[in-house]
């Protein structure tokens, strides 16, 4: 049970990173509004960086170059799934939602981040099953990756219409998926690799769709080098965090 304890503690601590957005609670509304689009641009870059520098290479490494077609097939499936889901959310907003001011991509962010956090839990579980040292290194890598990712997510949720406190709460609920991923990974430790073969490229497709279809068009509405720099910074951080 020692390994399970390390997995649960690690995934819980990683989940707490989602509360980093709380620092914005102390900012004045005017200042927060000014930095929201910067966070949106940053999130777009980190989503693309996470997809191309982490999720896709990890999936290819797990299946081998001879099965690379399957990786991109799952990626396209993830992309198309969110295309269909967003259209459904837009239709649902138009016909039934009580809060149409909340943009549909806010819900997509929550769904994709839940999948992403579940995968993080699987990866953490798999690393601790191998050895304690590898587990610790993996947790540190995941934590460094999650800091910019969760800050960007919070900014997108607030920009998409959620109140700051609700955005924090929903972001944390989404982050808790890491714990379930860790538990699932421990219980099925011998099949972790097979579980992530589908989830990794599927999540990458989600990330690419949200960044390209929803977030980048938002920052294109206002031409500014600050947004482009924030976008590149998001990509750069994902490149550095290996």
Protein backbone atom coordinates (compact mmCIF):
# COMPACT_ATOMS: atom_id res chain seq x y z
CA UNK A 1 0.00 0.00 0.00
CA UNK A 2 3.06 2.25 0.20
CA UNK A 3 3.06 2.87 -3.55
CA UNK A 4 -0.65 3.69 -3.55
CA UNK A 5 -0.08 6.20 -0.72
CA UNK A 6 2.65 7.99 -2.70
CA UNK A 7 0.44 8.04 -5.79
CA UNK A 8 -2.58 9.51 -3.97
CA UNK A 9 -0.54 12.14 -2.09
CA UNK A 10 1.32 13.16 -5.25
CA UNK A 11 -1.78 13.48 -7.40
CA UNK A 12 -3.56 15.45 -4.68
CA UNK A 13 -0.65 17.89 -4.38
CA UNK A 14 -0.58 18.29 -8.17
CA UNK A 15 -4.34 18.98 -8.07
CA UNK A 16 -3.79 21.86 -5.64
CA UNK A 17 -1.84 23.70 -8.36
CA UNK A 18 -5.23 24.55 -9.88
CA UNK A 19 -5.68 27.10 -7.07
CA UNK A 20 -2.85 29.27 -8.42
CA UNK A 21 -5.51 31.32 -10.15
CA UNK A 22 -6.48 32.57 -6.69
CA UNK A 23 -3.76 35.20 -6.93
CA UNK A 24 -5.99 37.05 -9.39
CA UNK A 25 -8.65 37.45 -6.70
CA UNK A 26 -6.52 40.22 -5.25
CA UNK A 27 -6.30 42.13 -8.53
CA UNK A 28 -8.56 45.03 -9.35
CA UNK A 29 -11.22 44.32 -11.95
CA UNK A 30 -9.70 46.71 -14.48
CA UNK A 31 -6.26 45.13 -14.18
CA UNK A 32 -7.72 41.62 -14.36
CA UNK A 33 -9.58 42.48 -17.56
CA UNK A 34 -6.35 43.73 -19.09
CA UNK A 35 -4.48 40.50 -18.39
CA UNK A 36 -7.28 38.06 -19.25
CA UNK A 37 -6.53 38.10 -22.98
CA UNK A 38 -2.85 37.69 -22.17
CA UNK A 39 -3.73 34.56 -20.21
CA UNK A 40 -5.91 33.38 -23.11
CA UNK A 41 -2.97 33.82 -25.50
CA UNK A 42 -0.65 32.10 -23.03
CA UNK A 43 -3.09 29.21 -22.68
CA UNK A 44 -3.36 28.82 -26.46
CA UNK A 45 0.41 28.51 -26.70
CA UNK A 46 0.67 26.09 -23.78
CA UNK A 47 -2.11 23.91 -25.20
CA UNK A 48 -0.38 23.65 -28.58
CA UNK A 49 3.00 23.13 -26.91
CA UNK A 50 1.58 20.47 -24.63
CA UNK A 51 0.02 18.65 -27.58
CA UNK A 52 3.04 18.75 -29.92
CA UNK A 53 5.92 18.54 -27.42
CA UNK A 54 4.45 16.15 -24.83
CA UNK A 55 1.27 14.23 -25.64
CA UNK A 56 1.95 13.29 -29.27
CA UNK A 57 5.64 12.33 -28.80
CA UNK A 58 4.74 10.34 -25.67
CA UNK A 59 2.02 8.47 -27.58
CA UNK A 60 4.37 7.69 -30.48
CA UNK A 61 7.04 6.48 -28.06
CA UNK A 62 4.55 4.11 -26.42
CA UNK A 63 3.19 2.55 -29.61
CA UNK A 64 6.34 2.68 -31.74
CA UNK A 65 6.92 4.30 -35.11
CA UNK A 66 5.29 1.37 -36.93
CA UNK A 67 1.90 2.24 -35.39
CA UNK A 68 2.16 6.01 -35.75
CA UNK A 69 -0.92 6.03 -38.01
CA UNK A 70 -3.06 5.00 -35.02
CA UNK A 71 -1.74 7.94 -32.99
CA UNK A 72 -2.83 10.47 -35.59
CA UNK A 73 -6.10 8.64 -36.12
CA UNK A 74 -6.92 9.07 -32.42
CA UNK A 75 -5.72 12.69 -32.62
CA UNK A 76 -8.12 13.48 -35.46
CA UNK A 77 -10.86 11.67 -33.56
CA UNK A 78 -10.20 13.88 -30.52
CA UNK A 79 -10.23 17.00 -32.71
CA UNK A 80 -13.50 16.04 -34.43
CA UNK A 81 -15.12 15.02 -31.16
CA UNK A 82 -14.63 18.50 -29.75
CA UNK A 83 -15.78 20.06 -33.02
CA UNK A 84 -19.07 18.16 -32.70
CA UNK A 85 -19.27 18.80 -28.94
CA UNK A 86 -18.80 22.55 -29.35
CA UNK A 87 -21.51 22.72 -31.99
CA UNK A 88 -23.83 20.83 -29.64
CA UNK A 89 -22.94 23.22 -26.79
CA UNK A 90 -23.57 26.24 -29.00
CA UNK A 91 -26.96 24.81 -30.03
CA UNK A 92 -27.78 23.99 -26.40
CA UNK A 93 -26.83 27.52 -25.33
CA UNK A 94 -29.04 29.01 -27.99
CA UNK A 95 -32.09 26.91 -27.10
CA UNK A 96 -31.91 26.05 -23.42
CA UNK A 97 -29.04 27.50 -21.40
CA UNK A 98 -29.92 29.87 -18.57
CA UNK A 99 -26.51 31.53 -18.81
CA UNK A 100 -25.79 32.13 -22.52
CA UNK A 101 -23.11 34.66 -21.55
CA UNK A 102 -20.79 31.75 -20.74
CA UNK A 103 -18.89 30.85 -23.90
CA UNK A 104 -18.95 27.23 -25.00
CA UNK A 105 -15.16 26.93 -25.10
CA UNK A 106 -15.14 27.35 -21.31
CA UNK A 107 -16.85 23.98 -21.00
CA UNK A 108 -14.50 22.46 -23.58
CA UNK A 109 -11.53 23.62 -21.52
CA UNK A 110 -12.95 21.89 -18.44
CA UNK A 111 -13.61 18.64 -20.32
CA UNK A 112 -10.22 18.53 -22.04
CA UNK A 113 -8.39 19.48 -18.84
CA UNK A 114 -10.19 16.69 -16.97
CA UNK A 115 -8.92 14.20 -19.55
CA UNK A 116 -5.45 15.74 -19.36
CA UNK A 117 -5.37 15.55 -15.56
CA UNK A 118 -6.58 11.94 -15.63
CA UNK A 119 -3.66 11.13 -17.95
CA UNK A 120 -1.26 12.89 -15.56
CA UNK A 121 -2.55 10.62 -12.80
CA UNK A 122 -1.96 7.56 -14.98
CA UNK A 123 1.59 8.69 -15.75
CA UNK A 124 2.36 9.40 -12.08
CA UNK A 125 1.00 5.98 -11.08
CA UNK A 126 3.06 4.27 -13.77
CA UNK A 127 6.25 6.02 -12.65
CA UNK A 128 5.82 5.06 -8.98
CA UNK A 129 5.13 1.45 -10.00
CA UNK A 130 8.55 1.46 -11.69
CA UNK A 131 10.41 3.07 -8.76
CA UNK A 132 10.07 5.71 -6.07
CA UNK A 133 12.84 7.86 -7.57
CA UNK A 134 11.25 7.90 -11.02
CA UNK A 135 7.92 8.70 -9.39
CA UNK A 136 9.32 11.78 -7.62
CA UNK A 137 10.98 13.05 -10.80
CA UNK A 138 7.75 12.54 -12.74
CA UNK A 139 5.69 14.40 -10.13
CA UNK A 140 8.08 17.38 -10.30
CA UNK A 141 7.89 17.40 -14.11
CA UNK A 142 4.09 17.23 -14.06
CA UNK A 143 3.90 20.00 -11.45
CA UNK A 144 6.14 22.32 -13.51
CA UNK A 145 4.01 21.58 -16.54
CA UNK A 146 0.76 22.24 -14.67
CA UNK A 147 1.70 25.68 -13.25
CA UNK A 148 1.45 27.61 -16.55
CA UNK A 149 -1.28 25.28 -17.80
CA UNK A 150 -3.61 25.89 -14.83
CA UNK A 151 -2.98 29.65 -14.81
CA UNK A 152 -3.91 29.78 -18.47
CA UNK A 153 -7.00 27.64 -17.90
CA UNK A 154 -8.22 29.90 -15.12
CA UNK A 155 -7.81 32.95 -17.32
CA UNK A 156 -9.79 31.27 -20.11
CA UNK A 157 -12.62 30.28 -17.74
CA UNK A 158 -12.95 33.83 -16.41
CA UNK A 159 -12.71 35.31 -19.90
CA UNK A 160 -15.34 32.79 -21.02
CA UNK A 161 -17.88 34.12 -18.53
CA UNK A 162 -17.38 32.32 -15.22
CA UNK A 163 -17.02 34.31 -12.00
CA UNK A 164 -13.54 34.05 -10.50
CA UNK A 165 -14.57 31.97 -7.48
CA UNK A 166 -16.59 29.55 -9.62
CA UNK A 167 -13.74 29.30 -12.13
CA UNK A 168 -11.38 28.35 -9.28
CA UNK A 169 -13.80 25.74 -7.97
CA UNK A 170 -14.45 24.16 -11.37
CA UNK A 171 -10.76 24.19 -12.21
CA UNK A 172 -10.03 22.35 -8.96
CA UNK A 173 -12.78 19.77 -9.58
CA UNK A 174 -11.25 19.17 -13.01
CA UNK A 175 -7.79 18.83 -11.43
CA UNK A 176 -9.05 16.11 -9.05
CA UNK A 177 -9.26 13.81 -12.07
CA UNK A 178 -5.52 13.27 -11.52
CA UNK A 179 -6.32 11.39 -8.30
CA UNK A 180 -8.75 9.09 -10.10
CA UNK A 181 -6.21 8.61 -12.87
CA UNK A 182 -3.59 7.68 -10.28
CA UNK A 183 -5.91 5.20 -8.57
CA UNK A 184 -6.98 3.70 -11.90
CA UNK A 185 -3.35 3.46 -12.98
CA UNK A 186 -2.35 1.69 -9.78
CA UNK A 187 -5.19 -0.84 -10.00
CA UNK A 188 -4.38 -1.55 -13.64
CA UNK A 189 -0.64 -0.93 -13.48
CA UNK A 190 0.18 -3.67 -15.97
CA UNK A 191 -2.09 -2.07 -18.57
CA UNK A 192 -1.21 1.61 -18.08
CA UNK A 193 0.57 1.78 -21.41
CA UNK A 194 -2.45 0.42 -23.27
CA UNK A 195 -4.76 2.85 -21.46
CA UNK A 196 -2.80 5.91 -22.53
CA UNK A 197 -2.29 4.88 -26.16
CA UNK A 198 -5.78 6.21 -26.90
CA UNK A 199 -6.01 8.96 -24.27
CA UNK A 200 -2.76 10.77 -25.10
CA UNK A 201 -3.45 11.56 -28.80
CA UNK A 202 -7.16 12.04 -28.07
CA UNK A 203 -6.28 14.75 -25.52
CA UNK A 204 -3.79 16.24 -28.00
CA UNK A 205 -6.59 16.56 -30.53
CA UNK A 206 -8.72 18.30 -27.88
CA UNK A 207 -5.92 20.75 -27.10
CA UNK A 208 -5.26 21.58 -30.75
CA UNK A 209 -8.95 22.15 -31.46
CA UNK A 210 -9.47 24.51 -28.49
CA UNK A 211 -6.33 26.50 -29.23
CA UNK A 212 -6.90 26.81 -32.98
CA UNK A 213 -10.69 27.12 -33.10
CA UNK A 214 -11.50 29.12 -29.96
CA UNK A 215 -8.56 30.80 -28.25
CA UNK A 216 -6.45 32.06 -31.16
CA UNK A 217 -9.48 33.71 -32.86
CA UNK A 218 -10.14 35.57 -29.60
CA UNK A 219 -6.68 37.13 -29.47
CA UNK A 220 -6.72 37.86 -33.22
CA UNK A 221 -9.55 40.33 -32.64
CA UNK A 222 -7.08 42.73 -31.03
CA UNK A 223 -3.75 43.09 -32.77
CA UNK A 224 -1.03 43.31 -30.13
CA UNK A 225 2.55 42.08 -29.85
CA UNK A 226 1.88 41.39 -26.15
CA UNK A 227 -0.61 38.65 -27.03
CA UNK A 228 1.75 37.14 -29.59
CA UNK A 229 4.59 37.18 -27.06
CA UNK A 230 2.33 35.51 -24.45
CA UNK A 231 1.39 32.90 -27.06
CA UNK A 232 5.06 32.19 -27.82
CA UNK A 233 5.85 32.13 -24.10
CA UNK A 234 3.22 29.41 -23.58
CA UNK A 235 4.78 27.35 -26.37
CA UNK A 236 8.30 28.02 -25.08
CA UNK A 237 7.56 26.90 -21.54
CA UNK A 238 6.04 23.65 -22.78
CA UNK A 239 9.17 23.14 -24.89
CA UNK A 240 11.43 23.63 -21.87
CA UNK A 241 9.41 21.45 -19.49
CA UNK A 242 10.33 17.92 -20.55
